[in-house]
PDB file of N, CA and C in Angstrom:
ATOM      1  N   MET A   1     -31.680 -11.979  23.679  1.00  0.00           N
ATOM      2  CA  MET A   1     -31.071 -10.738  22.779  1.00  0.00           C
ATOM      3  C   MET A   1     -32.018 -10.831  21.474  1.00  0.00           C
ATOM      4  N   THR A   2     -32.137  -9.435  21.011  1.00  0.00           N
ATOM      5  CA  THR A   2     -33.230  -8.992  19.693  1.00  0.00           C
ATOM      6  C   THR A   2     -32.428 -10.093  18.806  1.00  0.00           C
ATOM      7  N   SER A   3     -33.110  -9.379  17.872  1.00  0.00           N
ATOM      8  CA  SER A   3     -33.022  -9.779  16.333  1.00  0.00           C
ATOM      9  C   SER A   3     -32.071  -8.866  16.173  1.00  0.00           C
ATOM     10  N   PHE A   4     -32.650  -7.287  16.481  1.00  0.00           N
ATOM     11  CA  PHE A   4     -31.968  -6.142  16.001  1.00  0.00           C
ATOM     12  C   PHE A   4     -30.682  -6.037  16.527  1.00  0.00           C
ATOM     13  N   ASP A   5     -30.352  -6.711  18.349  1.00  0.00           N
ATOM     14  CA  ASP A   5     -28.594  -7.014  18.418  1.00  0.00           C
ATOM     15  C   ASP A   5     -28.122  -6.948  17.496  1.00  0.00           C
ATOM     16  N   ASP A   6     -28.676  -8.939  17.048  1.00  0.00           N
ATOM     17  CA  ASP A   6     -27.627  -9.052  16.600  1.00  0.00           C
ATOM     18  C   ASP A   6     -27.214  -8.659  14.993  1.00  0.00           C
ATOM     19  N   ARG A   7     -28.207  -8.054  14.452  1.00  0.00           N
ATOM     20  CA  ARG A   7     -27.681  -7.521  13.219  1.00  0.00           C
ATOM     21  C   ARG A   7     -26.957  -6.509  13.224  1.00  0.00           C
ATOM     22  N   GLU A   8     -27.339  -5.782  14.390  1.00  0.00           N
ATOM     23  CA  GLU A   8     -26.040  -4.470  14.968  1.00  0.00           C
ATOM     24  C   GLU A   8     -25.051  -5.566  15.052  1.00  0.00           C
ATOM     25  N   ARG A   9     -24.766  -6.126  15.923  1.00  0.00           N
ATOM     26  CA  ARG A   9     -23.334  -6.940  16.002  1.00  0.00           C
ATOM     27  C   ARG A   9     -22.907  -7.486  14.872  1.00  0.00           C
ATOM     28  N   ALA A  10     -23.206  -8.099  13.885  1.00  0.00           N
ATOM     29  CA  ALA A  10     -22.887  -8.384  12.888  1.00  0.00           C
ATOM     30  C   ALA A  10     -22.767  -7.088  11.136  1.00  0.00           C
ATOM     31  N   PHE A  11     -23.173  -6.355  11.875  1.00  0.00           N
ATOM     32  CA  PHE A  11     -22.602  -5.300  10.875  1.00  0.00           C
ATOM     33  C   PHE A  11     -21.566  -4.935  11.529  1.00  0.00           C
ATOM     34  N   GLU A  12     -21.361  -4.860  12.551  1.00  0.00           N
ATOM     35  CA  GLU A  12     -20.248  -4.052  13.467  1.00  0.00           C
ATOM     36  C   GLU A  12     -18.867  -5.181  13.107  1.00  0.00           C
ATOM     37  N   THR A  13     -19.485  -5.884  13.165  1.00  0.00           N
ATOM     38  CA  THR A  13     -18.277  -7.350  13.225  1.00  0.00           C
ATOM     39  C   THR A  13     -18.129  -6.860  11.690  1.00  0.00           C
ATOM     40  N   LYS A  14     -18.054  -6.543  10.431  1.00  0.00           N
ATOM     41  CA  LYS A  14     -18.593  -7.034   9.028  1.00  0.00           C
ATOM     42  C   LYS A  14     -17.842  -5.291   9.209  1.00  0.00           C
ATOM     43  N   TYR A  15     -18.010  -4.289   9.188  1.00  0.00           N
ATOM     44  CA  TYR A  15     -17.409  -2.660   9.437  1.00  0.00           C
ATOM     45  C   TYR A  15     -15.668  -3.139   9.962  1.00  0.00           C
ATOM     46  N   ALA A  16     -15.796  -4.162  11.471  1.00  0.00           N
ATOM     47  CA  ALA A  16     -14.483  -4.369  10.993  1.00  0.00           C
ATOM     48  C   ALA A  16     -13.146  -4.407  10.792  1.00  0.00           C
ATOM     49  N   ARG A  17     -14.101  -5.983  10.072  1.00  0.00           N
ATOM     50  CA  ARG A  17     -13.347  -6.791   8.960  1.00  0.00           C
ATOM     51  C   ARG A  17     -12.684  -6.683   7.968  1.00  0.00           C
ATOM     52  N   ASP A  18     -13.623  -5.188   7.121  1.00  0.00           N
ATOM     53  CA  ASP A  18     -13.593  -4.823   6.536  1.00  0.00           C
ATOM     54  C   ASP A  18     -12.906  -3.501   5.709  1.00  0.00           C
ATOM     55  N   GLU A  19     -12.624  -2.851   7.562  1.00  0.00           N
ATOM     56  CA  GLU A  19     -11.731  -1.654   7.813  1.00  0.00           C
ATOM     57  C   GLU A  19      -9.983  -2.324   8.033  1.00  0.00           C
ATOM     58  N   GLU A  20     -10.109  -3.376   8.807  1.00  0.00           N
ATOM     59  CA  GLU A  20      -8.761  -4.261   8.269  1.00  0.00           C
ATOM     60  C   GLU A  20      -8.105  -4.882   7.350  1.00  0.00           C
ATOM     61  N   MET A  21      -9.255  -5.634   6.419  1.00  0.00           N
ATOM     62  CA  MET A  21      -8.526  -5.695   4.877  1.00  0.00           C
ATOM     63  C   MET A  21      -8.344  -4.704   4.228  1.00  0.00           C
ATOM     64  N   ALA A  22      -9.040  -3.474   4.393  1.00  0.00           N
ATOM     65  CA  ALA A  22      -8.464  -1.674   3.566  1.00  0.00           C
ATOM     66  C   ALA A  22      -6.673  -1.715   4.495  1.00  0.00           C
ATOM     67  N   PHE A  23      -7.006  -2.169   5.459  1.00  0.00           N
ATOM     68  CA  PHE A  23      -5.767  -1.670   5.758  1.00  0.00           C
ATOM     69  C   PHE A  23      -4.411  -2.448   5.264  1.00  0.00           C
ATOM     70  N   ARG A  24      -4.677  -3.101   5.364  1.00  0.00           N
ATOM     71  CA  ARG A  24      -3.803  -4.690   4.539  1.00  0.00           C
ATOM     72  C   ARG A  24      -3.570  -4.722   3.058  1.00  0.00           C
ATOM     73  N   ILE A  25      -5.244  -4.513   2.578  1.00  0.00           N
ATOM     74  CA  ILE A  25      -4.594  -3.528   0.832  1.00  0.00           C
ATOM     75  C   ILE A  25      -3.328  -2.869   1.106  1.00  0.00           C
ATOM     76  N   VAL A  26      -3.080  -2.020   1.361  1.00  0.00           N
ATOM     77  CA  VAL A  26      -2.470  -0.432   1.385  1.00  0.00           C
ATOM     78  C   VAL A  26      -1.401  -1.038   1.471  1.00  0.00           C
ATOM     79  N   ALA A  27      -1.101  -1.209   2.761  1.00  0.00           N
ATOM     80  CA  ALA A  27       0.104  -1.762   2.918  1.00  0.00           C
ATOM     81  C   ALA A  27       0.635  -2.782   2.577  1.00  0.00           C
ATOM     82  N   ARG A  28       0.072  -3.941   1.806  1.00  0.00           N
ATOM     83  CA  ARG A  28       0.818  -4.477   0.778  1.00  0.00           C
ATOM     84  C   ARG A  28       1.193  -3.758  -0.355  1.00  0.00           C
ATOM     85  N   ARG A  29      -0.077  -2.913  -0.601  1.00  0.00           N
ATOM     86  CA  ARG A  29       0.191  -2.073  -2.139  1.00  0.00           C
ATOM     87  C   ARG A  29       1.786  -1.163  -1.712  1.00  0.00           C
ATOM     88  N   ASN A  30       1.592  -1.056  -0.599  1.00  0.00           N
ATOM     89  CA  ASN A  30       3.410  -0.070  -0.047  1.00  0.00           C
ATOM     90  C   ASN A  30       4.409  -1.043  -0.262  1.00  0.00           C
ATOM     91  N   ARG A  31       3.787  -2.119  -0.258  1.00  0.00           N
ATOM     92  CA  ARG A  31       5.298  -2.773  -0.170  1.00  0.00           C
ATOM     93  C   ARG A  31       5.824  -3.234  -1.650  1.00  0.00           C
ATOM     94  N   LEU A  32       4.603  -3.608  -1.835  1.00  0.00           N
ATOM     95  CA  LEU A  32       4.605  -3.698  -3.655  1.00  0.00           C
ATOM     96  C   LEU A  32       5.400  -2.273  -4.426  1.00  0.00           C
ATOM     97  N   LEU A  33       4.642  -1.522  -4.101  1.00  0.00           N
ATOM     98  CA  LEU A  33       5.439   0.010  -4.476  1.00  0.00           C
ATOM     99  C   LEU A  33       6.593   0.356  -4.451  1.00  0.00           C
ATOM    100  N   GLY A  34       6.518  -0.261  -2.872  1.00  0.00           N
ATOM    101  CA  GLY A  34       8.645   0.089  -2.746  1.00  0.00           C
ATOM    102  C   GLY A  34       9.392  -1.357  -3.482  1.00  0.00           C
ATOM    103  N   HIS A  35       8.738  -2.471  -3.034  1.00  0.00           N
ATOM    104  CA  HIS A  35       9.930  -3.053  -4.803  1.00  0.00           C
ATOM    105  C   HIS A  35      10.337  -2.719  -6.294  1.00  0.00           C
ATOM    106  N   TRP A  36       8.839  -2.258  -6.539  1.00  0.00           N
ATOM    107  CA  TRP A  36       8.846  -1.831  -8.039  1.00  0.00           C
ATOM    108  C   TRP A  36       9.585  -0.056  -8.160  1.00  0.00           C
ATOM    109  N   ALA A  37       9.748   0.414  -6.506  1.00  0.00           N
ATOM    110  CA  ALA A  37      10.590   1.458  -6.999  1.00  0.00           C
ATOM    111  C   ALA A  37      12.425   1.317  -6.746  1.00  0.00           C
ATOM    112  N   ALA A  38      12.026   0.135  -5.821  1.00  0.00           N
ATOM    113  CA  ALA A  38      13.731  -0.560  -5.719  1.00  0.00           C
ATOM    114  C   ALA A  38      14.323  -0.825  -7.116  1.00  0.00           C
ATOM    115  N   THR A  39      13.362  -1.393  -8.083  1.00  0.00           N
ATOM    116  CA  THR A  39      14.279  -2.524  -8.971  1.00  0.00           C
ATOM    117  C   THR A  39      14.571  -1.406  -9.623  1.00  0.00           C
ATOM    118  N   GLU A  40      13.575   0.047 -10.351  1.00  0.00           N
ATOM    119  CA  GLU A  40      14.059   1.185 -10.774  1.00  0.00           C
ATOM    120  C   GLU A  40      15.066   1.780 -10.574  1.00  0.00           C
ATOM    121  N   MET A  41      15.471   1.519  -9.480  1.00  0.00           N
ATOM    122  CA  MET A  41      16.103   2.312  -8.230  1.00  0.00           C
ATOM    123  C   MET A  41      17.516   1.319  -8.711  1.00  0.00           C
ATOM    124  N   ARG A  42      17.038  -0.020  -9.450  1.00  0.00           N
ATOM    125  CA  ARG A  42      18.561  -1.447  -9.415  1.00  0.00           C
ATOM    126  C   ARG A  42      19.319  -1.390  -8.161  1.00  0.00           C
ATOM    127  N   LEU A  43      18.056  -1.719  -6.952  1.00  0.00           N
ATOM    128  CA  LEU A  43      19.205  -1.696  -5.808  1.00  0.00           C
ATOM    129  C   LEU A  43      18.958  -3.263  -5.849  1.00  0.00           C
ATOM    130  N   THR A  44      19.440  -3.791  -4.471  1.00  0.00           N
ATOM    131  CA  THR A  44      19.823  -5.556  -4.604  1.00  0.00           C
ATOM    132  C   THR A  44      18.790  -5.825  -3.503  1.00  0.00           C
ATOM    133  N   LYS A  45      18.373  -7.008  -3.680  1.00  0.00           N
ATOM    134  CA  LYS A  45      17.704  -7.477  -2.986  1.00  0.00           C
ATOM    135  C   LYS A  45      17.258  -7.417  -1.478  1.00  0.00           C
ATOM    136  N   GLU A  46      18.712  -6.995  -0.686  1.00  0.00           N
ATOM    137  CA  GLU A  46      18.394  -6.683   0.475  1.00  0.00           C
ATOM    138  C   GLU A  46      17.750  -5.235   0.442  1.00  0.00           C
ATOM    139  N   GLU A  47      18.384  -4.592  -0.124  1.00  0.00           N
ATOM    140  CA  GLU A  47      18.182  -3.323  -0.174  1.00  0.00           C
ATOM    141  C   GLU A  47      16.978  -2.856  -0.818  1.00  0.00           C
ATOM    142  N   ALA A  48      16.421  -3.432  -1.953  1.00  0.00           N
ATOM    143  CA  ALA A  48      14.710  -3.485  -2.051  1.00  0.00           C
ATOM    144  C   ALA A  48      14.307  -4.031  -0.879  1.00  0.00           C
ATOM    145  N   ASP A  49      14.035  -5.145   0.250  1.00  0.00           N
ATOM    146  CA  ASP A  49      12.996  -5.933   0.940  1.00  0.00           C
ATOM    147  C   ASP A  49      13.568  -4.443   2.559  1.00  0.00           C
ATOM    148  N   ALA A  50      14.332  -4.065   2.564  1.00  0.00           N
ATOM    149  CA  ALA A  50      14.194  -2.392   3.340  1.00  0.00           C
ATOM    150  C   ALA A  50      13.595  -1.689   2.862  1.00  0.00           C
ATOM    151  N   TYR A  51      13.723  -1.262   1.376  1.00  0.00           N
ATOM    152  CA  TYR A  51      12.917  -0.316   0.932  1.00  0.00           C
ATOM    153  C   TYR A  51      11.860  -0.220   1.354  1.00  0.00           C
ATOM    154  N   ALA A  52      11.395  -1.799   0.929  1.00  0.00           N
ATOM    155  CA  ALA A  52       9.730  -1.775   0.642  1.00  0.00           C
ATOM    156  C   ALA A  52       9.302  -1.324   2.126  1.00  0.00           C
ATOM    157  N   THR A  53      10.271  -1.260   3.104  1.00  0.00           N
ATOM    158  CA  THR A  53       9.707  -1.575   4.555  1.00  0.00           C
ATOM    159  C   THR A  53       9.540  -0.051   4.678  1.00  0.00           C
ATOM    160  N   ALA A  54      10.374   0.626   3.937  1.00  0.00           N
ATOM    161  CA  ALA A  54      10.146   1.827   4.338  1.00  0.00           C
ATOM    162  C   ALA A  54       9.354   2.855   3.313  1.00  0.00           C
ATOM    163  N   VAL A  55       8.878   2.371   2.659  1.00  0.00           N
ATOM    164  CA  VAL A  55       7.605   2.803   1.749  1.00  0.00           C
ATOM    165  C   VAL A  55       6.653   2.642   2.571  1.00  0.00           C
ATOM    166  N   VAL A  56       6.383   1.334   3.400  1.00  0.00           N
ATOM    167  CA  VAL A  56       5.269   0.810   4.170  1.00  0.00           C
ATOM    168  C   VAL A  56       5.543   1.839   5.489  1.00  0.00           C
ATOM    169  N   GLN A  57       6.422   2.288   5.826  1.00  0.00           N
ATOM    170  CA  GLN A  57       6.434   2.968   7.717  1.00  0.00           C
ATOM    171  C   GLN A  57       6.008   4.319   6.804  1.00  0.00           C
ATOM    172  N   ALA A  58       6.186   5.436   6.172  1.00  0.00           N
ATOM    173  CA  ALA A  58       5.902   6.221   5.131  1.00  0.00           C
ATOM    174  C   ALA A  58       4.824   6.494   5.173  1.00  0.00           C
ATOM    175  N   ASP A  59       4.079   5.693   4.679  1.00  0.00           N
ATOM    176  CA  ASP A  59       2.315   6.302   4.915  1.00  0.00           C
ATOM    177  C   ASP A  59       1.574   6.208   5.902  1.00  0.00           C
ATOM    178  N   PHE A  60       2.458   6.238   7.634  1.00  0.00           N
ATOM    179  CA  PHE A  60       2.082   6.414   8.303  1.00  0.00           C
ATOM    180  C   PHE A  60       1.917   8.437   8.941  1.00  0.00           C
ATOM    181  N   GLU A  61       2.281   8.844   7.851  1.00  0.00           N
ATOM    182  CA  GLU A  61       3.296  10.115   7.620  1.00  0.00           C
ATOM    183  C   GLU A  61       1.895  11.116   8.126  1.00  0.00           C
ATOM    184  N   GLU A  62       0.984  10.347   6.979  1.00  0.00           N
ATOM    185  CA  GLU A  62      -0.249  12.032   7.212  1.00  0.00           C
ATOM    186  C   GLU A  62      -1.382  11.081   6.521  1.00  0.00           C
ATOM    187  N   ALA A  63      -2.566  10.993   6.327  1.00  0.00           N
ATOM    188  CA  ALA A  63      -3.875  10.336   6.044  1.00  0.00           C
ATOM    189  C   ALA A  63      -2.915  10.563   4.610  1.00  0.00           C
ATOM    190  N   GLY A  64      -3.604   9.531   3.740  1.00  0.00           N
ATOM    191  CA  GLY A  64      -3.713   9.751   1.938  1.00  0.00           C
ATOM    192  C   GLY A  64      -2.578   9.021   1.886  1.00  0.00           C
ATOM    193  N   ASP A  65      -2.257   8.959   0.469  1.00  0.00           N
ATOM    194  CA  ASP A  65      -1.483   8.825   0.001  1.00  0.00           C
ATOM    195  C   ASP A  65      -0.235   9.283  -0.480  1.00  0.00           C
ATOM    196  N   GLU A  66       0.396  10.871  -0.234  1.00  0.00           N
ATOM    197  CA  GLU A  66       0.560  12.020  -0.300  1.00  0.00           C
ATOM    198  C   GLU A  66       1.556  11.436  -0.075  1.00  0.00           C
ATOM    199  N   ASP A  67       1.705  11.440   1.303  1.00  0.00           N
ATOM    200  CA  ASP A  67       3.347  11.133   1.751  1.00  0.00           C
ATOM    201  C   ASP A  67       4.160   9.593   0.609  1.00  0.00           C
ATOM    202  N   VAL A  68       3.659   8.959   0.585  1.00  0.00           N
ATOM    203  CA  VAL A  68       4.160   7.970   0.083  1.00  0.00           C
ATOM    204  C   VAL A  68       4.629   8.079  -0.817  1.00  0.00           C
ATOM    205  N   ILE A  69       3.742   9.300  -1.956  1.00  0.00           N
ATOM    206  CA  ILE A  69       4.417   9.632  -3.231  1.00  0.00           C
ATOM    207  C   ILE A  69       5.816  10.610  -3.308  1.00  0.00           C
ATOM    208  N   ARG A  70       4.851  11.722  -2.295  1.00  0.00           N
ATOM    209  CA  ARG A  70       6.230  12.031  -1.529  1.00  0.00           C
ATOM    210  C   ARG A  70       7.740  11.305  -2.239  1.00  0.00           C
ATOM    211  N   LYS A  71       7.696  10.247  -1.051  1.00  0.00           N
ATOM    212  CA  LYS A  71       8.561  10.015  -0.523  1.00  0.00           C
ATOM    213  C   LYS A  71       9.448   8.853  -2.250  1.00  0.00           C
ATOM    214  N   LEU A  72       8.121   8.651  -2.861  1.00  0.00           N
ATOM    215  CA  LEU A  72       8.446   7.822  -3.864  1.00  0.00           C
ATOM    216  C   LEU A  72       8.933   8.889  -5.118  1.00  0.00           C
ATOM    217  N   VAL A  73       8.603  10.167  -5.037  1.00  0.00           N
ATOM    218  CA  VAL A  73       8.436  10.557  -6.906  1.00  0.00           C
ATOM    219  C   VAL A  73      10.439  11.448  -5.887  1.00  0.00           C
ATOM    220  N   SER A  74      10.636  12.062  -4.466  1.00  0.00           N
ATOM    221  CA  SER A  74      11.844  12.236  -4.088  1.00  0.00           C
ATOM    222  C   SER A  74      13.227  11.364  -4.049  1.00  0.00           C
ATOM    223  N   ASP A  75      12.679   9.807  -4.487  1.00  0.00           N
ATOM    224  CA  ASP A  75      13.598   8.840  -3.414  1.00  0.00           C
ATOM    225  C   ASP A  75      14.140   8.504  -5.041  1.00  0.00           C
ATOM    226  N   LEU A  76      13.170   8.127  -6.399  1.00  0.00           N
ATOM    227  CA  LEU A  76      13.820   8.478  -7.564  1.00  0.00           C
ATOM    228  C   LEU A  76      13.972   9.164  -8.244  1.00  0.00           C
ATOM    229  N   THR A  77      13.637  10.621  -8.281  1.00  0.00           N
ATOM    230  CA  THR A  77      14.414  11.145  -8.684  1.00  0.00           C
ATOM    231  C   THR A  77      16.169  11.493  -8.020  1.00  0.00           C
ATOM    232  N   ALA A  78      16.492  11.368  -6.714  1.00  0.00           N
ATOM    233  CA  ALA A  78      17.603  11.161  -5.792  1.00  0.00           C
ATOM    234  C   ALA A  78      18.110  10.109  -7.158  1.00  0.00           C
ATOM    235  N   ALA A  79      17.412   8.873  -7.302  1.00  0.00           N
ATOM    236  CA  ALA A  79      18.906   8.126  -7.751  1.00  0.00           C
ATOM    237  C   ALA A  79      18.799   8.258  -9.085  1.00  0.00           C
ATOM    238  N   ASN A  80      18.345   9.724  -9.950  1.00  0.00           N
ATOM    239  CA  ASN A  80      18.214   9.426 -11.149  1.00  0.00           C
ATOM    240  C   ASN A  80      16.937   8.543 -11.810  1.00  0.00           C
ATOM    241  N   VAL A  81      16.428   8.603 -11.722  1.00  0.00           N
ATOM    242  CA  VAL A  81      15.011   7.608 -12.140  1.00  0.00           C
ATOM    243  C   VAL A  81      14.538   8.894 -12.701  1.00  0.00           C
ATOM    244  N   ALA A  82      14.325   8.655 -13.945  1.00  0.00           N
ATOM    245  CA  ALA A  82      13.037   9.800 -14.627  1.00  0.00           C
ATOM    246  C   ALA A  82      11.708   8.895 -14.712  1.00  0.00           C
ATOM    247  N   ILE A  83      10.895   9.286 -13.540  1.00  0.00           N
ATOM    248  CA  ILE A  83      10.124   8.525 -13.600  1.00  0.00           C
ATOM    249  C   ILE A  83       8.903   9.855 -12.908  1.00  0.00           C
ATOM    250  N   ASP A  84       7.666  10.216 -13.148  1.00  0.00           N
ATOM    251  CA  ASP A  84       6.736  11.129 -12.652  1.00  0.00           C
ATOM    252  C   ASP A  84       5.974  11.662 -12.299  1.00  0.00           C
ATOM    253  N   GLU A  85       5.445  11.733 -11.187  1.00  0.00           N
ATOM    254  CA  GLU A  85       4.272  11.997 -10.573  1.00  0.00           C
ATOM    255  C   GLU A  85       3.249  11.071 -11.246  1.00  0.00           C
ATOM    256  N   PRO A  86       2.728  11.520 -12.389  1.00  0.00           N
ATOM    257  CA  PRO A  86       1.376  10.862 -13.149  1.00  0.00           C
ATOM    258  C   PRO A  86       1.947   8.899 -13.605  1.00  0.00           C
ATOM    259  N   THR A  87       3.265   8.914 -13.454  1.00  0.00           N
ATOM    260  CA  THR A  87       3.908   7.858 -13.550  1.00  0.00           C
ATOM    261  C   THR A  87       3.515   6.383 -12.529  1.00  0.00           C
ATOM    262  N   ILE A  88       4.272   7.547 -11.363  1.00  0.00           N
ATOM    263  CA  ILE A  88       3.391   6.592  -9.860  1.00  0.00           C
ATOM    264  C   ILE A  88       2.253   6.793  -9.306  1.00  0.00           C
ATOM    265  N   ARG A  89       1.460   7.540  -9.719  1.00  0.00           N
ATOM    266  CA  ARG A  89      -0.066   7.856  -9.997  1.00  0.00           C
ATOM    267  C   ARG A  89      -0.612   6.308  -9.872  1.00  0.00           C
ATOM    268  N   ARG A  90      -0.753   5.715 -11.114  1.00  0.00           N
ATOM    269  CA  ARG A  90      -0.939   5.375 -12.226  1.00  0.00           C
ATOM    270  C   ARG A  90      -0.174   3.562 -11.529  1.00  0.00           C
ATOM    271  N   THR A  91       0.724   3.995 -11.785  1.00  0.00           N
ATOM    272  CA  THR A  91       1.320   2.235 -10.772  1.00  0.00           C
ATOM    273  C   THR A  91       0.868   2.033  -9.140  1.00  0.00           C
ATOM    274  N   ILE A  92       0.257   3.409  -8.379  1.00  0.00           N
ATOM    275  CA  ILE A  92      -0.304   3.106  -6.970  1.00  0.00           C
ATOM    276  C   ILE A  92      -1.505   1.757  -7.595  1.00  0.00           C
ATOM    277  N   GLU A  93      -2.474   2.699  -8.531  1.00  0.00           N
ATOM    278  CA  GLU A  93      -3.674   1.985  -9.266  1.00  0.00           C
ATOM    279  C   GLU A  93      -3.181   0.745  -8.749  1.00  0.00           C
ATOM    280  N   GLU A  94      -2.115   0.187 -10.240  1.00  0.00           N
ATOM    281  CA  GLU A  94      -1.528  -0.930 -10.470  1.00  0.00           C
ATOM    282  C   GLU A  94      -1.357  -1.968  -9.165  1.00  0.00           C
ATOM    283  N   LYS A  95      -0.638  -1.683  -8.200  1.00  0.00           N
ATOM    284  CA  LYS A  95      -0.749  -2.280  -7.335  1.00  0.00           C
ATOM    285  C   LYS A  95      -1.579  -2.614  -6.166  1.00  0.00           C
ATOM    286  N   THR A  96      -2.486  -1.165  -6.021  1.00  0.00           N
ATOM    287  CA  THR A  96      -4.050  -1.436  -5.230  1.00  0.00           C
ATOM    288  C   THR A  96      -4.479  -2.268  -5.668  1.00  0.00           C
ATOM    289  N   VAL A  97      -5.008  -2.992  -7.262  1.00  0.00           N
ATOM    290  CA  VAL A  97      -5.327  -3.709  -7.929  1.00  0.00           C
ATOM    291  C   VAL A  97      -4.732  -5.657  -7.645  1.00  0.00           C
ATOM    292  N   GLU A  98      -2.902  -5.269  -7.191  1.00  0.00           N
ATOM    293  CA  GLU A  98      -2.641  -6.630  -6.983  1.00  0.00           C
ATOM    294  C   GLU A  98      -2.403  -7.027  -5.739  1.00  0.00           C
ATOM    295  N   ALA A  99      -2.425  -5.982  -5.163  1.00  0.00           N
ATOM    296  CA  ALA A  99      -2.785  -6.280  -3.308  1.00  0.00           C
ATOM    297  C   ALA A  99      -3.746  -7.051  -3.153  1.00  0.00           C
ATOM    298  N   ARG A 100      -5.083  -6.406  -3.493  1.00  0.00           N
ATOM    299  CA  ARG A 100      -6.351  -6.956  -3.115  1.00  0.00           C
ATOM    300  C   ARG A 100      -5.902  -8.358  -3.553  1.00  0.00           C
ATOM    301  N   ARG A 101      -6.264  -8.690  -5.019  1.00  0.00           N
ATOM    302  CA  ARG A 101      -5.605  -9.747  -6.022  1.00  0.00           C
ATOM    303  C   ARG A 101      -4.817 -11.206  -5.321  1.00  0.00           C
ATOM    304  N   GLN A 102      -3.609 -10.140  -4.326  1.00  0.00           N
ATOM    305  CA  GLN A 102      -3.111 -11.079  -3.491  1.00  0.00           C
ATOM    306  C   GLN A 102      -3.540 -11.792  -2.322  1.00  0.00           C
ATOM    307  N   LEU A 103      -4.226 -10.632  -1.544  1.00  0.00           N
ATOM    308  CA  LEU A 103      -4.834 -10.937  -0.185  1.00  0.00           C
ATOM    309  C   LEU A 103      -6.341 -11.731  -0.317  1.00  0.00           C
ATOM    310  N   MET A 104      -6.977 -11.174  -1.639  1.00  0.00           N
ATOM    311  CA  MET A 104      -8.240 -12.166  -1.935  1.00  0.00           C
ATOM    312  C   MET A 104      -7.777 -13.657  -1.761  1.00  0.00           C
ATOM    313  N   GLY A 105      -6.900 -13.582  -2.345  1.00  0.00           N
ATOM    314  CA  GLY A 105      -6.548 -15.209  -2.906  1.00  0.00           C
ATOM    315  C   GLY A 105      -6.432 -15.774  -1.478  1.00  0.00           C
ATOM    316  N   SER A 106      -5.658 -15.506  -0.829  1.00  0.00           N
ATOM    317  CA  SER A 106      -4.839 -16.050   0.631  1.00  0.00           C
ATOM    318  C   SER A 106      -6.159 -16.222   1.558  1.00  0.00           C
ATOM    319  N   GLU A 107      -7.151 -15.885   1.623  1.00  0.00           N
ATOM    320  CA  GLU A 107      -7.917 -16.075   2.243  1.00  0.00           C
ATOM    321  C   GLU A 107      -8.854 -17.676   2.029  1.00  0.00           C
TER     322      GLU A 107
END
């Protein structure tokens, strides 16, 4: 085995680990967003847990955050909660930071 092969394998391993961590951060962020929105909608704990799971699942509809944003805007509007899209986008940024801290702290 050459040192080049070892380096290549190390880079591939690091890339895979980084991609997995990015996925975990987004999933955790979406769960946190779901709980935040559930609080705004005054859902019970059981309803909040189910809603957080639904927000995580909504992210699989398309690449990017637009599917999650649409779900949150739609659900919050339906619940007569006055929160606009810029507030949701700002909350996404905050929850991303929080999710990263939680996951980095657990390793």
